[in-house]
PDB file of N, CA and C in Angstrom:
ATOM      1  N   MET A   1      -3.502  22.975   9.849  1.00  0.00           N
ATOM      2  CA  MET A   1      -4.520  22.091   9.478  1.00  0.00           C
ATOM      3  C   MET A   1      -4.118  21.392   8.161  1.00  0.00           C
ATOM      4  N   ALA A   2      -4.206  20.016   8.050  1.00  0.00           N
ATOM      5  CA  ALA A   2      -3.774  19.331   6.840  1.00  0.00           C
ATOM      6  C   ALA A   2      -4.926  19.395   5.802  1.00  0.00           C
ATOM      7  N   LYS A   3      -4.467  19.509   4.588  1.00  0.00           N
ATOM      8  CA  LYS A   3      -5.433  19.549   3.539  1.00  0.00           C
ATOM      9  C   LYS A   3      -5.937  18.201   3.125  1.00  0.00           C
ATOM     10  N   ILE A   4      -7.089  17.926   2.986  1.00  0.00           N
ATOM     11  CA  ILE A   4      -7.596  16.638   2.626  1.00  0.00           C
ATOM     12  C   ILE A   4      -7.684  16.511   1.139  1.00  0.00           C
ATOM     13  N   PRO A   5      -7.014  15.538   0.503  1.00  0.00           N
ATOM     14  CA  PRO A   5      -7.019  15.445  -0.945  1.00  0.00           C
ATOM     15  C   PRO A   5      -8.354  15.139  -1.562  1.00  0.00           C
ATOM     16  N   GLN A   6      -8.643  15.725  -2.558  1.00  0.00           N
ATOM     17  CA  GLN A   6      -9.885  15.483  -3.303  1.00  0.00           C
ATOM     18  C   GLN A   6      -9.742  14.324  -4.178  1.00  0.00           C
ATOM     19  N   ARG A   7     -10.731  13.409  -4.238  1.00  0.00           N
ATOM     20  CA  ARG A   7     -10.578  12.263  -5.172  1.00  0.00           C
ATOM     21  C   ARG A   7     -10.937  12.687  -6.581  1.00  0.00           C
ATOM     22  N   ALA A   8     -10.091  12.406  -7.552  1.00  0.00           N
ATOM     23  CA  ALA A   8     -10.305  12.867  -8.918  1.00  0.00           C
ATOM     24  C   ALA A   8     -11.233  11.863  -9.578  1.00  0.00           C
ATOM     25  N   PHE A   9     -11.461  10.678  -9.212  1.00  0.00           N
ATOM     26  CA  PHE A   9     -12.193   9.696  -9.935  1.00  0.00           C
ATOM     27  C   PHE A   9     -13.288   9.120  -9.040  1.00  0.00           C
ATOM     28  N   ASP A  10     -14.459   8.768  -9.606  1.00  0.00           N
ATOM     29  CA  ASP A  10     -15.455   8.005  -9.019  1.00  0.00           C
ATOM     30  C   ASP A  10     -14.794   6.621  -8.524  1.00  0.00           C
ATOM     31  N   GLU A  11     -15.156   6.224  -7.372  1.00  0.00           N
ATOM     32  CA  GLU A  11     -14.631   4.914  -6.796  1.00  0.00           C
ATOM     33  C   GLU A  11     -14.774   3.804  -7.727  1.00  0.00           C
ATOM     34  N   ARG A  12     -15.937   3.757  -8.504  1.00  0.00           N
ATOM     35  CA  ARG A  12     -16.077   2.518  -9.395  1.00  0.00           C
ATOM     36  C   ARG A  12     -15.028   2.568 -10.509  1.00  0.00           C
ATOM     37  N   ARG A  13     -14.663   3.711 -10.903  1.00  0.00           N
ATOM     38  CA  ARG A  13     -13.728   3.802 -11.979  1.00  0.00           C
ATOM     39  C   ARG A  13     -12.272   3.433 -11.522  1.00  0.00           C
ATOM     40  N   LYS A  14     -12.067   3.459 -10.327  1.00  0.00           N
ATOM     41  CA  LYS A  14     -10.760   2.999  -9.772  1.00  0.00           C
ATOM     42  C   LYS A  14     -10.573   1.560  -9.847  1.00  0.00           C
ATOM     43  N   GLU A  15     -11.699   0.851  -9.836  1.00  0.00           N
ATOM     44  CA  GLU A  15     -11.607  -0.617  -9.999  1.00  0.00           C
ATOM     45  C   GLU A  15     -11.020  -0.966 -11.373  1.00  0.00           C
ATOM     46  N   PRO A  16      -9.958  -1.724 -11.373  1.00  0.00           N
ATOM     47  CA  PRO A  16      -9.304  -2.062 -12.718  1.00  0.00           C
ATOM     48  C   PRO A  16     -10.212  -2.996 -13.570  1.00  0.00           C
ATOM     49  N   VAL A  17      -9.989  -2.946 -14.848  1.00  0.00           N
ATOM     50  CA  VAL A  17     -10.682  -3.766 -15.782  1.00  0.00           C
ATOM     51  C   VAL A  17     -10.679  -5.198 -15.375  1.00  0.00           C
ATOM     52  N   ILE A  18      -9.538  -5.670 -14.951  1.00  0.00           N
ATOM     53  CA  ILE A  18      -9.317  -7.087 -14.623  1.00  0.00           C
ATOM     54  C   ILE A  18     -10.307  -7.527 -13.482  1.00  0.00           C
ATOM     55  N   GLN A  19     -10.694  -6.669 -12.596  1.00  0.00           N
ATOM     56  CA  GLN A  19     -11.633  -6.961 -11.539  1.00  0.00           C
ATOM     57  C   GLN A  19     -13.022  -7.218 -12.094  1.00  0.00           C
ATOM     58  N   ARG A  20     -13.388  -6.463 -13.139  1.00  0.00           N
ATOM     59  CA  ARG A  20     -14.742  -6.798 -13.765  1.00  0.00           C
ATOM     60  C   ARG A  20     -14.668  -8.129 -14.473  1.00  0.00           C
ATOM     61  N   ILE A  21     -13.621  -8.453 -15.062  1.00  0.00           N
ATOM     62  CA  ILE A  21     -13.428  -9.747 -15.746  1.00  0.00           C
ATOM     63  C   ILE A  21     -13.558 -10.836 -14.706  1.00  0.00           C
ATOM     64  N   PHE A  22     -12.862 -10.717 -13.534  1.00  0.00           N
ATOM     65  CA  PHE A  22     -12.952 -11.694 -12.507  1.00  0.00           C
ATOM     66  C   PHE A  22     -14.433 -11.793 -11.934  1.00  0.00           C
ATOM     67  N   GLN A  23     -15.136 -10.700 -11.938  1.00  0.00           N
ATOM     68  CA  GLN A  23     -16.515 -10.726 -11.467  1.00  0.00           C
ATOM     69  C   GLN A  23     -17.366 -11.590 -12.456  1.00  0.00           C
ATOM     70  N   LEU A  24     -17.100 -11.404 -13.781  1.00  0.00           N
ATOM     71  CA  LEU A  24     -17.862 -12.191 -14.719  1.00  0.00           C
ATOM     72  C   LEU A  24     -17.595 -13.676 -14.561  1.00  0.00           C
ATOM     73  N   ILE A  25     -16.305 -14.020 -14.346  1.00  0.00           N
ATOM     74  CA  ILE A  25     -16.037 -15.451 -14.183  1.00  0.00           C
ATOM     75  C   ILE A  25     -16.693 -15.959 -12.917  1.00  0.00           C
ATOM     76  N   GLU A  26     -16.596 -15.251 -11.799  1.00  0.00           N
ATOM     77  CA  GLU A  26     -17.246 -15.705 -10.588  1.00  0.00           C
ATOM     78  C   GLU A  26     -18.741 -15.924 -10.667  1.00  0.00           C
ATOM     79  N   LYS A  27     -19.326 -15.008 -11.368  1.00  0.00           N
ATOM     80  CA  LYS A  27     -20.821 -15.086 -11.469  1.00  0.00           C
ATOM     81  C   LYS A  27     -21.406 -15.994 -12.486  1.00  0.00           C
ATOM     82  N   ARG A  28     -20.608 -16.258 -13.585  1.00  0.00           N
ATOM     83  CA  ARG A  28     -21.158 -17.013 -14.639  1.00  0.00           C
ATOM     84  C   ARG A  28     -20.543 -18.297 -15.033  1.00  0.00           C
ATOM     85  N   TYR A  29     -19.407 -18.674 -14.447  1.00  0.00           N
ATOM     86  CA  TYR A  29     -18.661 -19.849 -14.776  1.00  0.00           C
ATOM     87  C   TYR A  29     -18.317 -20.673 -13.539  1.00  0.00           C
ATOM     88  N   SER A  30     -18.275 -22.026 -13.776  1.00  0.00           N
ATOM     89  CA  SER A  30     -17.930 -22.836 -12.661  1.00  0.00           C
ATOM     90  C   SER A  30     -16.382 -22.971 -12.459  1.00  0.00           C
ATOM     91  N   SER A  31     -15.675 -22.532 -13.508  1.00  0.00           N
ATOM     92  CA  SER A  31     -14.210 -22.516 -13.318  1.00  0.00           C
ATOM     93  C   SER A  31     -13.570 -21.549 -14.301  1.00  0.00           C
ATOM     94  N   ARG A  32     -12.373 -21.223 -14.043  1.00  0.00           N
ATOM     95  CA  ARG A  32     -11.556 -20.309 -14.881  1.00  0.00           C
ATOM     96  C   ARG A  32     -11.373 -20.908 -16.229  1.00  0.00           C
ATOM     97  N   SER A  33     -11.160 -22.231 -16.299  1.00  0.00           N
ATOM     98  CA  SER A  33     -10.934 -22.944 -17.491  1.00  0.00           C
ATOM     99  C   SER A  33     -12.245 -22.782 -18.390  1.00  0.00           C
ATOM    100  N   GLU A  34     -13.379 -22.903 -17.826  1.00  0.00           N
ATOM    101  CA  GLU A  34     -14.601 -22.720 -18.593  1.00  0.00           C
ATOM    102  C   GLU A  34     -14.734 -21.417 -19.253  1.00  0.00           C
ATOM    103  N   ALA A  35     -14.313 -20.459 -18.444  1.00  0.00           N
ATOM    104  CA  ALA A  35     -14.407 -19.003 -18.976  1.00  0.00           C
ATOM    105  C   ALA A  35     -13.398 -18.786 -20.085  1.00  0.00           C
ATOM    106  N   ALA A  36     -12.140 -19.330 -19.868  1.00  0.00           N
ATOM    107  CA  ALA A  36     -11.138 -19.191 -20.921  1.00  0.00           C
ATOM    108  C   ALA A  36     -11.569 -19.811 -22.224  1.00  0.00           C
ATOM    109  N   ASN A  37     -12.190 -21.022 -22.175  1.00  0.00           N
ATOM    110  CA  ASN A  37     -12.762 -21.689 -23.354  1.00  0.00           C
ATOM    111  C   ASN A  37     -13.833 -20.911 -23.936  1.00  0.00           C
ATOM    112  N   ALA A  38     -14.691 -20.424 -23.220  1.00  0.00           N
ATOM    113  CA  ALA A  38     -15.889 -19.694 -23.753  1.00  0.00           C
ATOM    114  C   ALA A  38     -15.321 -18.386 -24.503  1.00  0.00           C
ATOM    115  N   TRP A  39     -14.303 -17.771 -23.986  1.00  0.00           N
ATOM    116  CA  TRP A  39     -13.748 -16.559 -24.551  1.00  0.00           C
ATOM    117  C   TRP A  39     -12.624 -16.798 -25.684  1.00  0.00           C
ATOM    118  N   GLY A  40     -12.358 -18.028 -25.878  1.00  0.00           N
ATOM    119  CA  GLY A  40     -11.302 -18.301 -26.903  1.00  0.00           C
ATOM    120  C   GLY A  40      -9.923 -17.895 -26.413  1.00  0.00           C
ATOM    121  N   MET A  41      -9.691 -17.990 -25.133  1.00  0.00           N
ATOM    122  CA  MET A  41      -8.513 -17.562 -24.456  1.00  0.00           C
ATOM    123  C   MET A  41      -7.703 -18.771 -23.873  1.00  0.00           C
ATOM    124  N   ASN A  42      -6.399 -18.690 -23.959  1.00  0.00           N
ATOM    125  CA  ASN A  42      -5.522 -19.742 -23.417  1.00  0.00           C
ATOM    126  C   ASN A  42      -5.705 -19.621 -21.812  1.00  0.00           C
ATOM    127  N   ILE A  43      -5.871 -20.798 -21.223  1.00  0.00           N
ATOM    128  CA  ILE A  43      -6.075 -20.817 -19.741  1.00  0.00           C
ATOM    129  C   ILE A  43      -4.908 -20.209 -19.034  1.00  0.00           C
ATOM    130  N   ASN A  44      -3.751 -20.364 -19.557  1.00  0.00           N
ATOM    131  CA  ASN A  44      -2.471 -19.929 -18.960  1.00  0.00           C
ATOM    132  C   ASN A  44      -2.461 -18.375 -18.944  1.00  0.00           C
ATOM    133  N   THR A  45      -3.003 -17.804 -19.966  1.00  0.00           N
ATOM    134  CA  THR A  45      -3.180 -16.289 -20.002  1.00  0.00           C
ATOM    135  C   THR A  45      -4.069 -15.837 -18.910  1.00  0.00           C
ATOM    136  N   LEU A  46      -5.262 -16.499 -18.764  1.00  0.00           N
ATOM    137  CA  LEU A  46      -6.148 -16.184 -17.763  1.00  0.00           C
ATOM    138  C   LEU A  46      -5.560 -16.373 -16.304  1.00  0.00           C
ATOM    139  N   SER A  47      -4.870 -17.466 -16.151  1.00  0.00           N
ATOM    140  CA  SER A  47      -4.177 -17.818 -14.862  1.00  0.00           C
ATOM    141  C   SER A  47      -3.129 -16.714 -14.547  1.00  0.00           C
ATOM    142  N   ASN A  48      -2.424 -16.271 -15.575  1.00  0.00           N
ATOM    143  CA  ASN A  48      -1.539 -15.167 -15.306  1.00  0.00           C
ATOM    144  C   ASN A  48      -2.160 -13.898 -14.867  1.00  0.00           C
ATOM    145  N   TYR A  49      -3.324 -13.651 -15.366  1.00  0.00           N
ATOM    146  CA  TYR A  49      -4.039 -12.403 -14.855  1.00  0.00           C
ATOM    147  C   TYR A  49      -4.348 -12.538 -13.360  1.00  0.00           C
ATOM    148  N   TYR A  50      -4.650 -13.678 -12.918  1.00  0.00           N
ATOM    149  CA  TYR A  50      -4.993 -13.865 -11.504  1.00  0.00           C
ATOM    150  C   TYR A  50      -3.615 -13.830 -10.690  1.00  0.00           C
ATOM    151  N   LYS A  51      -2.575 -14.429 -11.211  1.00  0.00           N
ATOM    152  CA  LYS A  51      -1.235 -14.276 -10.532  1.00  0.00           C
ATOM    153  C   LYS A  51      -0.732 -12.831 -10.369  1.00  0.00           C
ATOM    154  N   ARG A  52      -1.109 -11.975 -11.414  1.00  0.00           N
ATOM    155  CA  ARG A  52      -0.639 -10.637 -11.378  1.00  0.00           C
ATOM    156  C   ARG A  52      -1.666  -9.625 -11.143  1.00  0.00           C
ATOM    157  N   ALA A  53      -2.692  -9.994 -10.495  1.00  0.00           N
ATOM    158  CA  ALA A  53      -3.875  -9.157 -10.196  1.00  0.00           C
ATOM    159  C   ALA A  53      -3.391  -7.889  -9.500  1.00  0.00           C
ATOM    160  N   ASP A  54      -2.448  -7.943  -8.594  1.00  0.00           N
ATOM    161  CA  ASP A  54      -2.029  -6.745  -7.891  1.00  0.00           C
ATOM    162  C   ASP A  54      -1.341  -5.742  -8.841  1.00  0.00           C
ATOM    163  N   GLN A  55      -0.955  -6.177 -10.010  1.00  0.00           N
ATOM    164  CA  GLN A  55      -0.329  -5.296 -11.007  1.00  0.00           C
ATOM    165  C   GLN A  55      -1.270  -4.809 -12.017  1.00  0.00           C
ATOM    166  N   GLU A  56      -2.549  -5.193 -11.823  1.00  0.00           N
ATOM    167  CA  GLU A  56      -3.692  -4.713 -12.741  1.00  0.00           C
ATOM    168  C   GLU A  56      -3.382  -5.009 -14.173  1.00  0.00           C
ATOM    169  N   PRO A  57      -3.273  -6.338 -14.621  1.00  0.00           N
ATOM    170  CA  PRO A  57      -3.000  -6.574 -15.988  1.00  0.00           C
ATOM    171  C   PRO A  57      -4.119  -6.064 -16.841  1.00  0.00           C
ATOM    172  N   MET A  58      -3.857  -5.726 -18.098  1.00  0.00           N
ATOM    173  CA  MET A  58      -4.772  -5.242 -19.063  1.00  0.00           C
ATOM    174  C   MET A  58      -4.802  -6.139 -20.210  1.00  0.00           C
ATOM    175  N   PRO A  59      -5.858  -6.861 -20.469  1.00  0.00           N
ATOM    176  CA  PRO A  59      -5.993  -7.718 -21.699  1.00  0.00           C
ATOM    177  C   PRO A  59      -5.891  -6.810 -22.909  1.00  0.00           C
ATOM    178  N   ARG A  60      -5.549  -7.450 -24.027  1.00  0.00           N
ATOM    179  CA  ARG A  60      -5.582  -6.768 -25.287  1.00  0.00           C
ATOM    180  C   ARG A  60      -6.906  -6.367 -25.721  1.00  0.00           C
ATOM    181  N   SER A  61      -7.003  -5.332 -26.474  1.00  0.00           N
ATOM    182  CA  SER A  61      -8.332  -4.783 -26.871  1.00  0.00           C
ATOM    183  C   SER A  61      -9.177  -5.776 -27.586  1.00  0.00           C
ATOM    184  N   GLN A  62      -8.556  -6.618 -28.441  1.00  0.00           N
ATOM    185  CA  GLN A  62      -9.324  -7.656 -29.240  1.00  0.00           C
ATOM    186  C   GLN A  62      -9.948  -8.667 -28.188  1.00  0.00           C
ATOM    187  N   GLN A  63      -9.224  -8.997 -27.115  1.00  0.00           N
ATOM    188  CA  GLN A  63      -9.691  -9.951 -26.148  1.00  0.00           C
ATOM    189  C   GLN A  63     -10.826  -9.267 -25.437  1.00  0.00           C
ATOM    190  N   LEU A  64     -10.664  -8.015 -25.064  1.00  0.00           N
ATOM    191  CA  LEU A  64     -11.791  -7.320 -24.308  1.00  0.00           C
ATOM    192  C   LEU A  64     -13.008  -7.297 -25.133  1.00  0.00           C
ATOM    193  N   LYS A  65     -12.853  -7.054 -26.406  1.00  0.00           N
ATOM    194  CA  LYS A  65     -14.147  -7.089 -27.269  1.00  0.00           C
ATOM    195  C   LYS A  65     -14.778  -8.475 -27.315  1.00  0.00           C
ATOM    196  N   LYS A  66     -13.944  -9.554 -27.362  1.00  0.00           N
ATOM    197  CA  LYS A  66     -14.526 -10.927 -27.390  1.00  0.00           C
ATOM    198  C   LYS A  66     -15.274 -11.145 -26.135  1.00  0.00           C
ATOM    199  N   ILE A  67     -14.591 -10.750 -25.012  1.00  0.00           N
ATOM    200  CA  ILE A  67     -15.342 -11.019 -23.698  1.00  0.00           C
ATOM    201  C   ILE A  67     -16.624 -10.215 -23.650  1.00  0.00           C
ATOM    202  N   ALA A  68     -16.626  -8.971 -24.010  1.00  0.00           N
ATOM    203  CA  ALA A  68     -17.893  -8.138 -23.970  1.00  0.00           C
ATOM    204  C   ALA A  68     -18.903  -8.693 -24.820  1.00  0.00           C
ATOM    205  N   GLU A  69     -18.556  -9.104 -26.088  1.00  0.00           N
ATOM    206  CA  GLU A  69     -19.600  -9.624 -26.932  1.00  0.00           C
ATOM    207  C   GLU A  69     -20.148 -10.947 -26.419  1.00  0.00           C
ATOM    208  N   HIS A  70     -19.259 -11.850 -25.963  1.00  0.00           N
ATOM    209  CA  HIS A  70     -19.730 -13.169 -25.523  1.00  0.00           C
ATOM    210  C   HIS A  70     -20.600 -13.064 -24.290  1.00  0.00           C
ATOM    211  N   GLU A  71     -20.270 -12.044 -23.384  1.00  0.00           N
ATOM    212  CA  GLU A  71     -20.978 -11.921 -22.130  1.00  0.00           C
ATOM    213  C   GLU A  71     -22.102 -10.935 -22.229  1.00  0.00           C
ATOM    214  N   LYS A  72     -22.263 -10.320 -23.470  1.00  0.00           N
ATOM    215  CA  LYS A  72     -23.384  -9.380 -23.693  1.00  0.00           C
ATOM    216  C   LYS A  72     -23.353  -8.198 -22.631  1.00  0.00           C
ATOM    217  N   VAL A  73     -22.132  -7.727 -22.460  1.00  0.00           N
ATOM    218  CA  VAL A  73     -21.960  -6.575 -21.692  1.00  0.00           C
ATOM    219  C   VAL A  73     -21.257  -5.422 -22.604  1.00  0.00           C
ATOM    220  N   SER A  74     -21.441  -4.239 -22.245  1.00  0.00           N
ATOM    221  CA  SER A  74     -20.850  -3.198 -23.111  1.00  0.00           C
ATOM    222  C   SER A  74     -19.312  -3.157 -22.934  1.00  0.00           C
ATOM    223  N   LEU A  75     -18.619  -2.777 -23.907  1.00  0.00           N
ATOM    224  CA  LEU A  75     -17.211  -2.550 -23.884  1.00  0.00           C
ATOM    225  C   LEU A  75     -16.913  -1.438 -22.874  1.00  0.00           C
ATOM    226  N   GLU A  76     -17.805  -0.432 -22.868  1.00  0.00           N
ATOM    227  CA  GLU A  76     -17.664   0.709 -21.908  1.00  0.00           C
ATOM    228  C   GLU A  76     -17.714   0.204 -20.493  1.00  0.00           C
ATOM    229  N   TRP A  77     -18.585  -0.751 -20.219  1.00  0.00           N
ATOM    230  CA  TRP A  77     -18.693  -1.271 -18.777  1.00  0.00           C
ATOM    231  C   TRP A  77     -17.459  -2.010 -18.485  1.00  0.00           C
ATOM    232  N   LEU A  78     -17.013  -2.891 -19.370  1.00  0.00           N
ATOM    233  CA  LEU A  78     -15.791  -3.612 -19.120  1.00  0.00           C
ATOM    234  C   LEU A  78     -14.598  -2.693 -18.856  1.00  0.00           C
ATOM    235  N   LEU A  79     -14.443  -1.601 -19.577  1.00  0.00           N
ATOM    236  CA  LEU A  79     -13.266  -0.751 -19.463  1.00  0.00           C
ATOM    237  C   LEU A  79     -13.451   0.228 -18.248  1.00  0.00           C
ATOM    238  N   THR A  80     -14.662   0.713 -18.032  1.00  0.00           N
ATOM    239  CA  THR A  80     -14.806   1.811 -17.054  1.00  0.00           C
ATOM    240  C   THR A  80     -15.735   1.506 -15.836  1.00  0.00           C
ATOM    241  N   GLY A  81     -16.656   0.498 -16.067  1.00  0.00           N
ATOM    242  CA  GLY A  81     -17.652   0.241 -14.934  1.00  0.00           C
ATOM    243  C   GLY A  81     -18.868   1.054 -15.241  1.00  0.00           C
ATOM    244  N   ASP A  82     -18.953   1.784 -16.233  1.00  0.00           N
ATOM    245  CA  ASP A  82     -20.114   2.596 -16.639  1.00  0.00           C
ATOM    246  C   ASP A  82     -20.805   1.842 -17.828  1.00  0.00           C
ATOM    247  N   GLY A  83     -22.126   2.024 -17.910  1.00  0.00           N
ATOM    248  CA  GLY A  83     -22.845   1.483 -19.095  1.00  0.00           C
ATOM    249  C   GLY A  83     -23.470   0.172 -18.633  1.00  0.00           C
ATOM    250  N   ASP A  84     -23.813  -0.680 -19.652  1.00  0.00           N
ATOM    251  CA  ASP A  84     -24.541  -1.901 -19.384  1.00  0.00           C
ATOM    252  C   ASP A  84     -23.530  -3.012 -18.988  1.00  0.00           C
ATOM    253  N   GLY A  85     -23.707  -3.576 -17.742  1.00  0.00           N
ATOM    254  CA  GLY A  85     -22.809  -4.633 -17.251  1.00  0.00           C
ATOM    255  C   GLY A  85     -23.521  -5.890 -16.944  1.00  0.00           C
TER     256      GLY A  85
END
């Protein structure tokens, strides 16, 4: 009988940070460009996140703080999916 592996993490935590950023963009902005401008981010940087989504890119901590503050979500939610989102 094969042993069934136990999952070490809550499924929500498996979702990468970048997916929560994409969710914010989809829910709150009419375009990626608008989101990049709101967050003080170069549109090319944001476009690269989409191009490399399968590699789960991780924005720099300072950028994550800017996004969390501007969107009024907790940094904890942005990083882990827990907390105020």
